[in-house]
Amino acid sequence: MDSGSPLRGVRNDNIMSFAHMSRIAHGIDRLTTAVGRAVSWLILFVVLVQFALVVARYVFDAGSIRWTESVIYAHATLFMLAAAWTLNVGGHVRVDVFYADASPRTKAWIDLAGALLLLLPFALAVLWLSVPFAQRSWAILERSQETSGLPAVFLLKTLIPLFAAMLALQGASQAIRAVIALQVPLVTPGLDPGVHPTSQDGLRSNSGLPELRTNNGPQVE
């Protein structure tokens, strides 16, 4: 087929579209990874402070409501803001009997259906319901009911819409990668027949797309 073929032009347009979509997904992944890695340091804070509180209580018969609440805040921040990163690296529990042995296209269909039918509706519903909840807390600058507690309950409640928004973004990234995996042709002219076009090498050889991964971490091969 000559270089002026309309089909070649369509193929090139599709490759450019895939490259743009992949860059969006890669940007989302970088965001959730950066946030997740940052808040992961709170694990050390939780362990050290909780240990100190236990020692203080049972050895010195002392305690601190403020420090006890700080452990709760840190744990909530870690759980809420690292959830999207955990999804990105495939750290969530997956219960299935066929996904691990499925073909790349089957995995892509499962990821796409899961993102569009389950993950995104859930995340958007939580976001829609939690924003007014957090707004009411901000309106009164809600604080702990304990006199010596932390005066930042409004910040704690803000974690809920942030959790939902980041999970929705990661769900969108998952859907984008699944669409790319489904749309890249199984046989690509000029590509080594031994290289699957949806693998990292295949994508680089054809369009320079960033690494393509399913939501469970490994490259699509």
N, C-alpha and C. Protein backbone atom coordinates (compact mmCIF):
# COMPACT_ATOMS: atom_id res chain seq x y z
N MET A 1 0.86 -1.19 0.00
CA MET A 1 0.00 0.00 0.00
C MET A 1 0.89 1.24 0.00
N ASP A 2 0.64 2.19 -0.90
CA ASP A 2 1.51 3.34 -1.01
C ASP A 2 1.30 4.31 0.15
N SER A 3 2.25 5.25 0.26
CA SER A 3 2.23 6.16 1.42
C SER A 3 1.05 7.10 1.40
N GLY A 4 0.40 7.25 0.23
CA GLY A 4 -0.72 8.17 0.17
C GLY A 4 -2.06 7.51 0.40
N SER A 5 -2.07 6.26 0.77
CA SER A 5 -3.32 5.53 0.96
C SER A 5 -4.15 6.15 2.08
N PRO A 6 -5.46 6.32 1.83
CA PRO A 6 -6.33 6.85 2.89
C PRO A 6 -6.31 5.97 4.13
N LEU A 7 -6.17 4.64 3.96
CA LEU A 7 -6.15 3.74 5.11
C LEU A 7 -4.94 4.00 5.98
N ARG A 8 -3.80 4.30 5.34
CA ARG A 8 -2.62 4.60 6.12
C ARG A 8 -2.81 5.88 6.92
N GLY A 9 -3.49 6.85 6.32
CA GLY A 9 -3.76 8.09 7.03
C GLY A 9 -4.65 7.86 8.23
N VAL A 10 -5.67 7.01 8.06
CA VAL A 10 -6.56 6.68 9.18
C VAL A 10 -5.78 5.99 10.29
N ARG A 11 -4.88 5.07 9.87
CA ARG A 11 -4.09 4.35 10.87
C ARG A 11 -3.20 5.31 11.65
N ASN A 12 -2.58 6.25 10.93
CA ASN A 12 -1.73 7.22 11.60
C ASN A 12 -2.52 8.10 12.55
N ASP A 13 -3.74 8.49 12.13
CA ASP A 13 -4.60 9.29 13.02
C ASP A 13 -4.93 8.51 14.28
N ASN A 14 -5.21 7.22 14.13
CA ASN A 14 -5.53 6.38 15.29
C ASN A 14 -4.34 6.28 16.22
N ILE A 15 -3.14 6.13 15.65
CA ILE A 15 -1.94 6.03 16.47
C ILE A 15 -1.73 7.32 17.26
N MET A 16 -1.95 8.47 16.61
CA MET A 16 -1.81 9.74 17.30
C MET A 16 -2.84 9.85 18.42
N SER A 17 -4.06 9.38 18.15
CA SER A 17 -5.10 9.41 19.17
C SER A 17 -4.73 8.52 20.34
N PHE A 18 -4.21 7.33 20.04
CA PHE A 18 -3.77 6.43 21.10
C PHE A 18 -2.65 7.07 21.92
N ALA A 19 -1.73 7.73 21.24
CA ALA A 19 -0.62 8.37 21.95
C ALA A 19 -1.13 9.45 22.89
N HIS A 20 -2.10 10.24 22.44
CA HIS A 20 -2.67 11.29 23.28
C HIS A 20 -3.40 10.68 24.48
N MET A 21 -4.20 9.65 24.23
CA MET A 21 -4.92 8.99 25.32
C MET A 21 -3.95 8.38 26.32
N SER A 22 -2.89 7.77 25.80
CA SER A 22 -1.92 7.14 26.69
C SER A 22 -1.19 8.17 27.54
N ARG A 23 -0.92 9.34 26.97
CA ARG A 23 -0.27 10.40 27.76
C ARG A 23 -1.18 10.86 28.89
N ILE A 24 -2.48 10.93 28.62
CA ILE A 24 -3.43 11.31 29.67
C ILE A 24 -3.41 10.28 30.80
N ALA A 25 -3.49 9.00 30.41
CA ALA A 25 -3.46 7.94 31.41
C ALA A 25 -2.16 7.96 32.20
N HIS A 26 -1.06 8.19 31.50
CA HIS A 26 0.25 8.23 32.16
C HIS A 26 0.31 9.39 33.14
N GLY A 27 -0.27 10.53 32.77
CA GLY A 27 -0.29 11.68 33.67
C GLY A 27 -1.09 11.40 34.93
N ILE A 28 -2.24 10.73 34.76
CA ILE A 28 -3.05 10.36 35.93
C ILE A 28 -2.27 9.41 36.83
N ASP A 29 -1.61 8.43 36.22
CA ASP A 29 -0.83 7.48 37.00
C ASP A 29 0.28 8.17 37.79
N ARG A 30 0.93 9.14 37.15
CA ARG A 30 2.00 9.87 37.84
C ARG A 30 1.45 10.64 39.03
N LEU A 31 0.26 11.24 38.88
CA LEU A 31 -0.36 11.98 39.98
C LEU A 31 -0.69 11.07 41.15
N THR A 32 -1.40 9.98 40.87
CA THR A 32 -1.81 9.09 41.96
C THR A 32 -0.60 8.42 42.61
N THR A 33 0.44 8.14 41.81
CA THR A 33 1.65 7.55 42.37
C THR A 33 2.36 8.53 43.29
N ALA A 34 2.46 9.78 42.86
CA ALA A 34 3.13 10.79 43.68
C ALA A 34 2.41 10.99 45.01
N VAL A 35 1.08 11.10 44.95
CA VAL A 35 0.30 11.28 46.18
C VAL A 35 0.42 10.04 47.07
N GLY A 36 0.29 8.87 46.46
CA GLY A 36 0.36 7.63 47.24
C GLY A 36 1.69 7.45 47.93
N ARG A 37 2.77 7.72 47.22
CA ARG A 37 4.10 7.58 47.83
C ARG A 37 4.32 8.60 48.94
N ALA A 38 3.77 9.79 48.76
CA ALA A 38 3.94 10.83 49.78
C ALA A 38 3.23 10.44 51.08
N VAL A 39 1.97 10.01 50.96
CA VAL A 39 1.21 9.68 52.17
C VAL A 39 1.65 8.34 52.77
N SER A 40 2.38 7.52 52.01
CA SER A 40 2.83 6.24 52.56
C SER A 40 3.77 6.43 53.74
N TRP A 41 4.41 7.60 53.82
CA TRP A 41 5.28 7.88 54.96
C TRP A 41 4.49 7.98 56.26
N LEU A 42 3.19 8.15 56.16
CA LEU A 42 2.37 8.21 57.37
C LEU A 42 2.35 6.87 58.10
N ILE A 43 2.69 5.78 57.41
CA ILE A 43 2.77 4.49 58.08
C ILE A 43 3.77 4.56 59.23
N LEU A 44 4.92 5.17 58.97
CA LEU A 44 5.94 5.31 60.00
C LEU A 44 5.43 6.15 61.16
N PHE A 45 4.74 7.23 60.84
CA PHE A 45 4.17 8.09 61.89
C PHE A 45 3.17 7.31 62.74
N VAL A 46 2.28 6.57 62.11
CA VAL A 46 1.26 5.81 62.84
C VAL A 46 1.91 4.79 63.78
N VAL A 47 2.88 4.06 63.27
CA VAL A 47 3.54 3.03 64.08
C VAL A 47 4.26 3.64 65.28
N LEU A 48 5.04 4.69 65.05
CA LEU A 48 5.82 5.29 66.13
C LEU A 48 4.93 5.95 67.18
N VAL A 49 3.94 6.70 66.73
CA VAL A 49 3.07 7.40 67.69
C VAL A 49 2.21 6.40 68.45
N GLN A 50 1.68 5.39 67.76
CA GLN A 50 0.86 4.40 68.45
C GLN A 50 1.69 3.64 69.49
N PHE A 51 2.93 3.32 69.13
CA PHE A 51 3.82 2.64 70.09
C PHE A 51 4.07 3.53 71.31
N ALA A 52 4.32 4.82 71.06
CA ALA A 52 4.56 5.75 72.16
C ALA A 52 3.33 5.88 73.06
N LEU A 53 2.15 5.88 72.45
CA LEU A 53 0.92 5.99 73.24
C LEU A 53 0.70 4.76 74.11
N VAL A 54 1.00 3.58 73.58
CA VAL A 54 0.85 2.35 74.35
C VAL A 54 1.82 2.34 75.53
N VAL A 55 3.08 2.72 75.27
CA VAL A 55 4.07 2.78 76.34
C VAL A 55 3.66 3.80 77.40
N ALA A 56 3.19 4.96 76.96
CA ALA A 56 2.79 6.00 77.90
C ALA A 56 1.63 5.55 78.78
N ARG A 57 0.69 4.83 78.18
CA ARG A 57 -0.48 4.40 78.94
C ARG A 57 -0.15 3.32 79.95
N TYR A 58 0.59 2.29 79.51
CA TYR A 58 0.80 1.13 80.37
C TYR A 58 2.04 1.23 81.25
N VAL A 59 2.95 2.13 80.93
CA VAL A 59 4.14 2.29 81.75
C VAL A 59 4.04 3.52 82.65
N PHE A 60 3.55 4.62 82.09
CA PHE A 60 3.50 5.87 82.85
C PHE A 60 2.08 6.28 83.23
N ASP A 61 1.10 5.45 82.86
CA ASP A 61 -0.30 5.74 83.16
C ASP A 61 -0.70 7.14 82.67
N ALA A 62 -0.26 7.45 81.44
CA ALA A 62 -0.55 8.75 80.84
C ALA A 62 -1.12 8.54 79.44
N GLY A 63 -1.77 9.56 78.95
CA GLY A 63 -2.34 9.46 77.61
C GLY A 63 -2.59 10.84 77.04
N SER A 64 -2.90 10.89 75.75
CA SER A 64 -3.15 12.17 75.08
C SER A 64 -4.23 11.98 74.03
N ILE A 65 -5.34 12.65 74.21
CA ILE A 65 -6.42 12.57 73.23
C ILE A 65 -5.97 13.17 71.90
N ARG A 66 -5.22 14.24 71.95
CA ARG A 66 -4.76 14.90 70.73
C ARG A 66 -3.88 13.97 69.90
N TRP A 67 -2.92 13.28 70.57
CA TRP A 67 -2.05 12.36 69.84
C TRP A 67 -2.81 11.11 69.39
N THR A 68 -3.76 10.68 70.18
CA THR A 68 -4.59 9.53 69.77
C THR A 68 -5.38 9.86 68.52
N GLU A 69 -5.95 11.05 68.48
CA GLU A 69 -6.69 11.47 67.29
C GLU A 69 -5.77 11.68 66.10
N SER A 70 -4.52 12.08 66.36
CA SER A 70 -3.59 12.27 65.25
C SER A 70 -3.31 10.95 64.54
N VAL A 71 -3.31 9.84 65.29
CA VAL A 71 -3.13 8.53 64.67
C VAL A 71 -4.33 8.21 63.78
N ILE A 72 -5.52 8.54 64.25
CA ILE A 72 -6.73 8.31 63.45
C ILE A 72 -6.69 9.14 62.17
N TYR A 73 -6.29 10.39 62.29
CA TYR A 73 -6.20 11.26 61.12
C TYR A 73 -5.18 10.72 60.12
N ALA A 74 -4.02 10.31 60.63
CA ALA A 74 -2.97 9.81 59.73
C ALA A 74 -3.40 8.53 59.04
N HIS A 75 -4.05 7.64 59.78
CA HIS A 75 -4.51 6.39 59.17
C HIS A 75 -5.57 6.67 58.10
N ALA A 76 -6.48 7.57 58.39
CA ALA A 76 -7.52 7.91 57.42
C ALA A 76 -6.91 8.54 56.17
N THR A 77 -5.95 9.42 56.35
CA THR A 77 -5.28 10.05 55.20
C THR A 77 -4.57 9.02 54.35
N LEU A 78 -3.86 8.11 55.00
CA LEU A 78 -3.16 7.05 54.29
C LEU A 78 -4.13 6.19 53.49
N PHE A 79 -5.19 5.75 54.12
CA PHE A 79 -6.16 4.87 53.46
C PHE A 79 -6.85 5.58 52.30
N MET A 80 -7.29 6.79 52.52
CA MET A 80 -8.07 7.51 51.51
C MET A 80 -7.23 7.95 50.31
N LEU A 81 -6.06 8.52 50.57
CA LEU A 81 -5.29 9.11 49.49
C LEU A 81 -4.37 8.13 48.78
N ALA A 82 -4.14 6.96 49.37
CA ALA A 82 -3.31 5.96 48.72
C ALA A 82 -4.14 4.91 47.98
N ALA A 83 -5.46 5.00 48.06
CA ALA A 83 -6.32 3.99 47.44
C ALA A 83 -6.15 3.95 45.92
N ALA A 84 -6.08 5.13 45.28
CA ALA A 84 -5.94 5.18 43.82
C ALA A 84 -4.59 4.61 43.39
N TRP A 85 -3.53 4.93 44.12
CA TRP A 85 -2.21 4.39 43.82
C TRP A 85 -2.20 2.87 43.97
N THR A 86 -2.86 2.38 45.01
CA THR A 86 -2.95 0.93 45.23
C THR A 86 -3.66 0.26 44.06
N LEU A 87 -4.71 0.90 43.55
CA LEU A 87 -5.40 0.37 42.37
C LEU A 87 -4.47 0.37 41.16
N ASN A 88 -3.69 1.41 41.02
CA ASN A 88 -2.79 1.54 39.87
C ASN A 88 -1.77 0.41 39.83
N VAL A 89 -1.24 0.04 40.99
CA VAL A 89 -0.21 -1.01 41.04
C VAL A 89 -0.79 -2.40 41.27
N GLY A 90 -2.13 -2.51 41.27
CA GLY A 90 -2.75 -3.82 41.43
C GLY A 90 -2.70 -4.36 42.84
N GLY A 91 -2.71 -3.46 43.83
CA GLY A 91 -2.60 -3.90 45.22
C GLY A 91 -3.91 -4.25 45.88
N HIS A 92 -5.04 -3.91 45.26
CA HIS A 92 -6.32 -4.27 45.84
C HIS A 92 -6.57 -5.77 45.69
N VAL A 93 -7.33 -6.32 46.59
CA VAL A 93 -7.65 -7.75 46.54
C VAL A 93 -8.49 -8.04 45.30
N ARG A 94 -8.07 -9.00 44.51
CA ARG A 94 -8.81 -9.40 43.32
C ARG A 94 -9.25 -10.85 43.49
N VAL A 95 -10.55 -11.06 43.50
CA VAL A 95 -11.09 -12.41 43.63
C VAL A 95 -11.66 -12.82 42.27
N ASP A 96 -10.97 -13.72 41.58
CA ASP A 96 -11.45 -14.20 40.30
C ASP A 96 -10.84 -15.56 40.03
N VAL A 97 -11.38 -16.22 39.04
CA VAL A 97 -10.91 -17.57 38.71
C VAL A 97 -10.37 -17.65 37.29
N PHE A 98 -10.40 -16.53 36.57
CA PHE A 98 -9.98 -16.60 35.16
C PHE A 98 -9.15 -15.41 34.70
N TYR A 99 -9.11 -14.31 35.46
CA TYR A 99 -8.42 -13.11 34.98
C TYR A 99 -6.94 -13.36 34.77
N ALA A 100 -6.29 -14.02 35.72
CA ALA A 100 -4.84 -14.21 35.66
C ALA A 100 -4.40 -14.96 34.41
N ASP A 101 -5.22 -15.90 33.95
CA ASP A 101 -4.86 -16.71 32.79
C ASP A 101 -5.53 -16.24 31.50
N ALA A 102 -6.24 -15.12 31.57
CA ALA A 102 -6.96 -14.63 30.39
C ALA A 102 -5.99 -13.99 29.40
N SER A 103 -6.43 -13.88 28.15
CA SER A 103 -5.63 -13.22 27.12
C SER A 103 -5.62 -11.71 27.38
N PRO A 104 -4.67 -10.99 26.78
CA PRO A 104 -4.63 -9.53 26.97
C PRO A 104 -5.94 -8.83 26.59
N ARG A 105 -6.57 -9.26 25.52
CA ARG A 105 -7.83 -8.62 25.11
C ARG A 105 -8.94 -8.91 26.11
N THR A 106 -8.99 -10.14 26.63
CA THR A 106 -10.01 -10.47 27.63
C THR A 106 -9.79 -9.64 28.89
N LYS A 107 -8.53 -9.51 29.31
CA LYS A 107 -8.23 -8.68 30.47
C LYS A 107 -8.65 -7.23 30.22
N ALA A 108 -8.42 -6.75 29.00
CA ALA A 108 -8.79 -5.38 28.67
C ALA A 108 -10.30 -5.19 28.75
N TRP A 109 -11.06 -6.16 28.24
CA TRP A 109 -12.52 -6.09 28.33
C TRP A 109 -12.99 -6.09 29.78
N ILE A 110 -12.38 -6.92 30.62
CA ILE A 110 -12.75 -6.98 32.04
C ILE A 110 -12.43 -5.66 32.72
N ASP A 111 -11.24 -5.12 32.44
CA ASP A 111 -10.85 -3.85 33.04
C ASP A 111 -11.76 -2.71 32.61
N LEU A 112 -12.13 -2.72 31.33
CA LEU A 112 -12.99 -1.66 30.82
C LEU A 112 -14.39 -1.75 31.43
N ALA A 113 -14.94 -2.95 31.47
CA ALA A 113 -16.27 -3.14 32.05
C ALA A 113 -16.26 -2.81 33.54
N GLY A 114 -15.22 -3.23 34.24
CA GLY A 114 -15.14 -2.94 35.67
C GLY A 114 -15.05 -1.46 35.95
N ALA A 115 -14.27 -0.75 35.12
CA ALA A 115 -14.11 0.69 35.31
C ALA A 115 -15.41 1.44 35.02
N LEU A 116 -16.05 1.11 33.90
CA LEU A 116 -17.23 1.86 33.46
C LEU A 116 -18.50 1.50 34.24
N LEU A 117 -18.64 0.23 34.61
CA LEU A 117 -19.88 -0.22 35.23
C LEU A 117 -19.82 -0.27 36.76
N LEU A 118 -18.64 -0.35 37.33
CA LEU A 118 -18.53 -0.49 38.78
C LEU A 118 -17.73 0.64 39.42
N LEU A 119 -16.47 0.76 39.02
CA LEU A 119 -15.58 1.70 39.69
C LEU A 119 -16.01 3.15 39.53
N LEU A 120 -16.20 3.61 38.29
CA LEU A 120 -16.55 5.01 38.07
C LEU A 120 -17.91 5.39 38.66
N PRO A 121 -18.97 4.58 38.48
CA PRO A 121 -20.25 4.93 39.13
C PRO A 121 -20.12 5.03 40.65
N PHE A 122 -19.38 4.10 41.25
CA PHE A 122 -19.19 4.15 42.71
C PHE A 122 -18.45 5.42 43.12
N ALA A 123 -17.33 5.71 42.45
CA ALA A 123 -16.53 6.87 42.82
C ALA A 123 -17.30 8.17 42.62
N LEU A 124 -18.03 8.28 41.53
CA LEU A 124 -18.78 9.50 41.26
C LEU A 124 -19.94 9.67 42.23
N ALA A 125 -20.57 8.57 42.63
CA ALA A 125 -21.66 8.64 43.62
C ALA A 125 -21.11 9.10 44.98
N VAL A 126 -19.97 8.55 45.38
CA VAL A 126 -19.36 8.97 46.64
C VAL A 126 -18.97 10.44 46.57
N LEU A 127 -18.43 10.87 45.44
CA LEU A 127 -18.05 12.28 45.28
C LEU A 127 -19.26 13.18 45.38
N TRP A 128 -20.33 12.82 44.71
CA TRP A 128 -21.55 13.63 44.71
C TRP A 128 -22.16 13.74 46.10
N LEU A 129 -22.13 12.66 46.87
CA LEU A 129 -22.73 12.66 48.20
C LEU A 129 -21.82 13.28 49.26
N SER A 130 -20.52 13.20 49.05
CA SER A 130 -19.60 13.64 50.10
C SER A 130 -19.24 15.12 50.03
N VAL A 131 -19.37 15.74 48.87
CA VAL A 131 -19.02 17.16 48.76
C VAL A 131 -19.90 18.03 49.68
N PRO A 132 -21.23 17.88 49.66
CA PRO A 132 -22.04 18.67 50.61
C PRO A 132 -21.71 18.36 52.06
N PHE A 133 -21.40 17.09 52.33
CA PHE A 133 -21.03 16.66 53.68
C PHE A 133 -19.79 17.41 54.15
N ALA A 134 -18.79 17.50 53.29
CA ALA A 134 -17.56 18.21 53.64
C ALA A 134 -17.81 19.73 53.70
N GLN A 135 -18.66 20.25 52.82
CA GLN A 135 -18.94 21.68 52.81
C GLN A 135 -19.58 22.13 54.12
N ARG A 136 -20.51 21.32 54.64
CA ARG A 136 -21.15 21.67 55.91
C ARG A 136 -20.12 21.71 57.04
N SER A 137 -19.18 20.78 57.00
CA SER A 137 -18.14 20.75 58.03
C SER A 137 -17.23 21.98 57.93
N TRP A 138 -16.89 22.36 56.70
CA TRP A 138 -16.06 23.55 56.50
C TRP A 138 -16.80 24.82 56.93
N ALA A 139 -18.12 24.86 56.74
CA ALA A 139 -18.89 26.06 57.06
C ALA A 139 -18.80 26.42 58.53
N ILE A 140 -18.66 25.40 59.38
CA ILE A 140 -18.58 25.66 60.83
C ILE A 140 -17.18 25.37 61.38
N LEU A 141 -16.24 25.06 60.47
CA LEU A 141 -14.89 24.67 60.88
C LEU A 141 -14.96 23.64 62.01
N GLU A 142 -15.65 22.57 61.72
CA GLU A 142 -15.93 21.53 62.71
C GLU A 142 -14.64 21.02 63.36
N ARG A 143 -14.72 20.83 64.67
CA ARG A 143 -13.58 20.36 65.43
C ARG A 143 -13.98 19.14 66.25
N SER A 144 -13.00 18.56 66.93
CA SER A 144 -13.25 17.37 67.74
C SER A 144 -14.24 17.68 68.86
N GLN A 145 -15.06 16.70 69.22
CA GLN A 145 -15.98 16.87 70.34
C GLN A 145 -15.24 16.83 71.68
N GLU A 146 -14.02 16.33 71.66
CA GLU A 146 -13.20 16.32 72.87
C GLU A 146 -12.53 17.69 73.04
N THR A 147 -12.51 18.17 74.25
CA THR A 147 -11.95 19.50 74.52
C THR A 147 -10.51 19.62 74.06
N SER A 148 -9.72 18.58 74.32
CA SER A 148 -8.30 18.63 73.95
C SER A 148 -8.02 17.93 72.62
N GLY A 149 -9.08 17.67 71.85
CA GLY A 149 -8.91 16.99 70.57
C GLY A 149 -8.45 17.94 69.47
N LEU A 150 -8.22 17.40 68.31
CA LEU A 150 -7.75 18.20 67.19
C LEU A 150 -8.90 19.04 66.60
N PRO A 151 -8.66 20.32 66.34
CA PRO A 151 -9.71 21.19 65.78
C PRO A 151 -9.75 21.14 64.26
N ALA A 152 -9.79 19.94 63.70
CA ALA A 152 -9.67 19.84 62.24
C ALA A 152 -10.52 18.70 61.67
N VAL A 153 -11.69 18.51 62.24
CA VAL A 153 -12.58 17.47 61.70
C VAL A 153 -12.97 17.80 60.27
N PHE A 154 -13.06 19.07 59.93
CA PHE A 154 -13.43 19.47 58.57
C PHE A 154 -12.38 19.00 57.56
N LEU A 155 -11.11 18.95 57.96
CA LEU A 155 -10.08 18.43 57.08
C LEU A 155 -10.21 16.91 56.92
N LEU A 156 -10.56 16.26 58.01
CA LEU A 156 -10.74 14.81 57.96
C LEU A 156 -11.88 14.44 57.01
N LYS A 157 -12.96 15.18 57.05
CA LYS A 157 -14.10 14.88 56.18
C LYS A 157 -13.81 15.24 54.73
N THR A 158 -12.88 16.16 54.50
CA THR A 158 -12.51 16.52 53.13
C THR A 158 -11.82 15.36 52.43
N LEU A 159 -11.25 14.44 53.20
CA LEU A 159 -10.59 13.29 52.60
C LEU A 159 -11.56 12.43 51.79
N ILE A 160 -12.83 12.45 52.14
CA ILE A 160 -13.79 11.58 51.44
C ILE A 160 -13.96 11.99 49.97
N PRO A 161 -14.28 13.27 49.68
CA PRO A 161 -14.36 13.63 48.25
C PRO A 161 -13.01 13.54 47.53
N LEU A 162 -11.91 13.79 48.24
CA LEU A 162 -10.60 13.63 47.60
C LEU A 162 -10.35 12.17 47.22
N PHE A 163 -10.71 11.27 48.12
CA PHE A 163 -10.61 9.84 47.84
C PHE A 163 -11.41 9.47 46.60
N ALA A 164 -12.65 9.95 46.54
CA ALA A 164 -13.52 9.61 45.41
C ALA A 164 -12.99 10.20 44.11
N ALA A 165 -12.50 11.43 44.16
CA ALA A 165 -12.00 12.07 42.94
C ALA A 165 -10.77 11.35 42.40
N MET A 166 -9.85 10.99 43.28
CA MET A 166 -8.64 10.30 42.83
C MET A 166 -8.95 8.89 42.33
N LEU A 167 -9.90 8.23 42.98
CA LEU A 167 -10.29 6.90 42.52
C LEU A 167 -10.96 6.98 41.16
N ALA A 168 -11.76 8.03 40.94
CA ALA A 168 -12.40 8.21 39.64
C ALA A 168 -11.35 8.47 38.55
N LEU A 169 -10.36 9.28 38.86
CA LEU A 169 -9.28 9.53 37.89
C LEU A 169 -8.55 8.24 37.55
N GLN A 170 -8.25 7.44 38.55
CA GLN A 170 -7.54 6.19 38.28
C GLN A 170 -8.43 5.23 37.50
N GLY A 171 -9.73 5.27 37.76
CA GLY A 171 -10.65 4.46 36.97
C GLY A 171 -10.67 4.89 35.51
N ALA A 172 -10.59 6.21 35.28
CA ALA A 172 -10.53 6.71 33.92
C ALA A 172 -9.25 6.25 33.23
N SER A 173 -8.14 6.26 33.97
CA SER A 173 -6.88 5.77 33.41
C SER A 173 -6.97 4.30 33.05
N GLN A 174 -7.59 3.53 33.90
CA GLN A 174 -7.78 2.10 33.63
C GLN A 174 -8.60 1.89 32.38
N ALA A 175 -9.67 2.67 32.23
CA ALA A 175 -10.52 2.55 31.05
C ALA A 175 -9.78 2.95 29.78
N ILE A 176 -8.98 4.00 29.86
CA ILE A 176 -8.21 4.46 28.69
C ILE A 176 -7.25 3.38 28.23
N ARG A 177 -6.54 2.78 29.16
CA ARG A 177 -5.58 1.75 28.79
C ARG A 177 -6.28 0.52 28.22
N ALA A 178 -7.44 0.21 28.74
CA ALA A 178 -8.20 -0.92 28.21
C ALA A 178 -8.66 -0.65 26.78
N VAL A 179 -9.13 0.57 26.52
CA VAL A 179 -9.56 0.94 25.17
C VAL A 179 -8.39 0.85 24.19
N ILE A 180 -7.22 1.34 24.60
CA ILE A 180 -6.06 1.27 23.73
C ILE A 180 -5.71 -0.18 23.42
N ALA A 181 -5.73 -1.02 24.44
CA ALA A 181 -5.40 -2.43 24.25
C ALA A 181 -6.38 -3.10 23.30
N LEU A 182 -7.64 -2.67 23.32
CA LEU A 182 -8.65 -3.27 22.45
C LEU A 182 -8.60 -2.73 21.03
N GLN A 183 -8.15 -1.50 20.87
CA GLN A 183 -8.18 -0.87 19.56
C GLN A 183 -6.92 -1.08 18.74
N VAL A 184 -5.78 -1.31 19.40
CA VAL A 184 -4.55 -1.56 18.64
C VAL A 184 -4.72 -2.85 17.86
N PRO A 185 -4.52 -2.85 16.55
CA PRO A 185 -4.73 -4.05 15.74
C PRO A 185 -3.82 -5.20 16.15
N LEU A 186 -4.33 -6.41 16.00
CA LEU A 186 -3.57 -7.60 16.36
C LEU A 186 -2.38 -7.81 15.44
N VAL A 187 -2.49 -7.38 14.19
CA VAL A 187 -1.39 -7.51 13.23
C VAL A 187 -1.06 -6.12 12.72
N THR A 188 0.16 -5.69 12.91
CA THR A 188 0.56 -4.35 12.52
C THR A 188 1.65 -4.41 11.48
N PRO A 189 1.44 -3.80 10.30
CA PRO A 189 2.47 -3.83 9.26
C PRO A 189 3.79 -3.28 9.77
N GLY A 190 4.88 -3.95 9.41
CA GLY A 190 6.20 -3.48 9.77
C GLY A 190 6.66 -3.91 11.14
N LEU A 191 5.81 -4.63 11.88
CA LEU A 191 6.16 -5.06 13.22
C LEU A 191 6.57 -6.52 13.19
N ASP A 192 7.59 -6.86 13.98
CA ASP A 192 8.03 -8.24 14.08
C ASP A 192 6.85 -9.10 14.49
N PRO A 193 6.51 -10.15 13.72
CA PRO A 193 5.35 -10.99 14.03
C PRO A 193 5.43 -11.58 15.43
N GLY A 194 6.64 -11.70 15.99
CA GLY A 194 6.76 -12.28 17.32
C GLY A 194 6.47 -11.30 18.44
N VAL A 195 6.21 -10.03 18.10
CA VAL A 195 5.95 -9.01 19.11
C VAL A 195 4.48 -8.63 19.06
N HIS A 196 3.77 -8.81 20.17
CA HIS A 196 2.36 -8.44 20.20
C HIS A 196 2.23 -6.93 20.17
N PRO A 197 1.36 -6.36 19.32
CA PRO A 197 1.27 -4.91 19.16
C PRO A 197 0.84 -4.17 20.42
N THR A 198 0.20 -4.87 21.39
CA THR A 198 -0.21 -4.18 22.61
C THR A 198 0.83 -4.29 23.71
N SER A 199 1.94 -4.96 23.42
CA SER A 199 3.01 -5.01 24.41
C SER A 199 3.76 -3.70 24.40
N GLN A 200 4.62 -3.51 25.39
CA GLN A 200 5.40 -2.27 25.45
C GLN A 200 6.27 -2.11 24.21
N ASP A 201 6.95 -3.20 23.79
CA ASP A 201 7.80 -3.12 22.60
C ASP A 201 6.98 -2.84 21.36
N GLY A 202 5.80 -3.46 21.27
CA GLY A 202 4.97 -3.25 20.10
C GLY A 202 4.49 -1.82 19.99
N LEU A 203 4.08 -1.26 21.11
CA LEU A 203 3.60 0.12 21.09
C LEU A 203 4.72 1.09 20.77
N ARG A 204 5.91 0.83 21.31
CA ARG A 204 7.02 1.71 21.01
C ARG A 204 7.41 1.64 19.54
N SER A 205 7.36 0.45 18.98
CA SER A 205 7.75 0.28 17.59
C SER A 205 6.79 0.96 16.64
N ASN A 206 5.52 1.07 17.02
CA ASN A 206 4.51 1.58 16.12
C ASN A 206 4.19 3.05 16.31
N SER A 207 4.19 3.51 17.59
CA SER A 207 3.71 4.87 17.77
C SER A 207 4.42 5.65 18.85
N GLY A 208 5.35 5.04 19.54
CA GLY A 208 6.02 5.74 20.61
C GLY A 208 5.13 5.97 21.82
N LEU A 209 4.10 5.13 21.99
CA LEU A 209 3.22 5.29 23.13
C LEU A 209 3.96 4.98 24.41
N PRO A 210 3.63 5.67 25.53
CA PRO A 210 4.19 5.27 26.82
C PRO A 210 3.76 3.86 27.16
N GLU A 211 4.42 3.30 28.18
CA GLU A 211 4.16 1.92 28.58
C GLU A 211 2.67 1.69 28.82
N LEU A 212 2.14 0.61 28.29
CA LEU A 212 0.74 0.26 28.44
C LEU A 212 0.62 -0.84 29.46
N ARG A 213 -0.18 -0.61 30.50
CA ARG A 213 -0.34 -1.62 31.54
C ARG A 213 -1.80 -1.80 31.85
N THR A 214 -2.16 -3.01 32.27
CA THR A 214 -3.48 -3.23 32.81
C THR A 214 -3.47 -2.76 34.25
N ASN A 215 -4.62 -2.77 34.91
CA ASN A 215 -4.69 -2.22 36.26
C ASN A 215 -4.02 -3.09 37.30
N ASN A 216 -3.56 -4.29 36.93
CA ASN A 216 -2.90 -5.13 37.92
C ASN A 216 -1.40 -5.06 37.82
N GLY A 217 -0.86 -4.10 37.05
CA GLY A 217 0.55 -3.81 37.12
C GLY A 217 1.39 -4.29 35.98
N PRO A 218 1.36 -5.59 35.57
CA PRO A 218 2.30 -6.05 34.56
C PRO A 218 2.01 -5.50 33.18
N GLN A 219 2.99 -5.50 32.32
CA GLN A 219 2.79 -5.03 30.96
C GLN A 219 1.91 -5.99 30.20
N VAL A 220 1.17 -5.44 29.23
CA VAL A 220 0.35 -6.28 28.37
C VAL A 220 1.24 -6.88 27.32
N GLU A 221 1.32 -8.16 27.26
CA GLU A 221 2.20 -8.83 26.31
C GLU A 221 1.42 -9.86 25.51
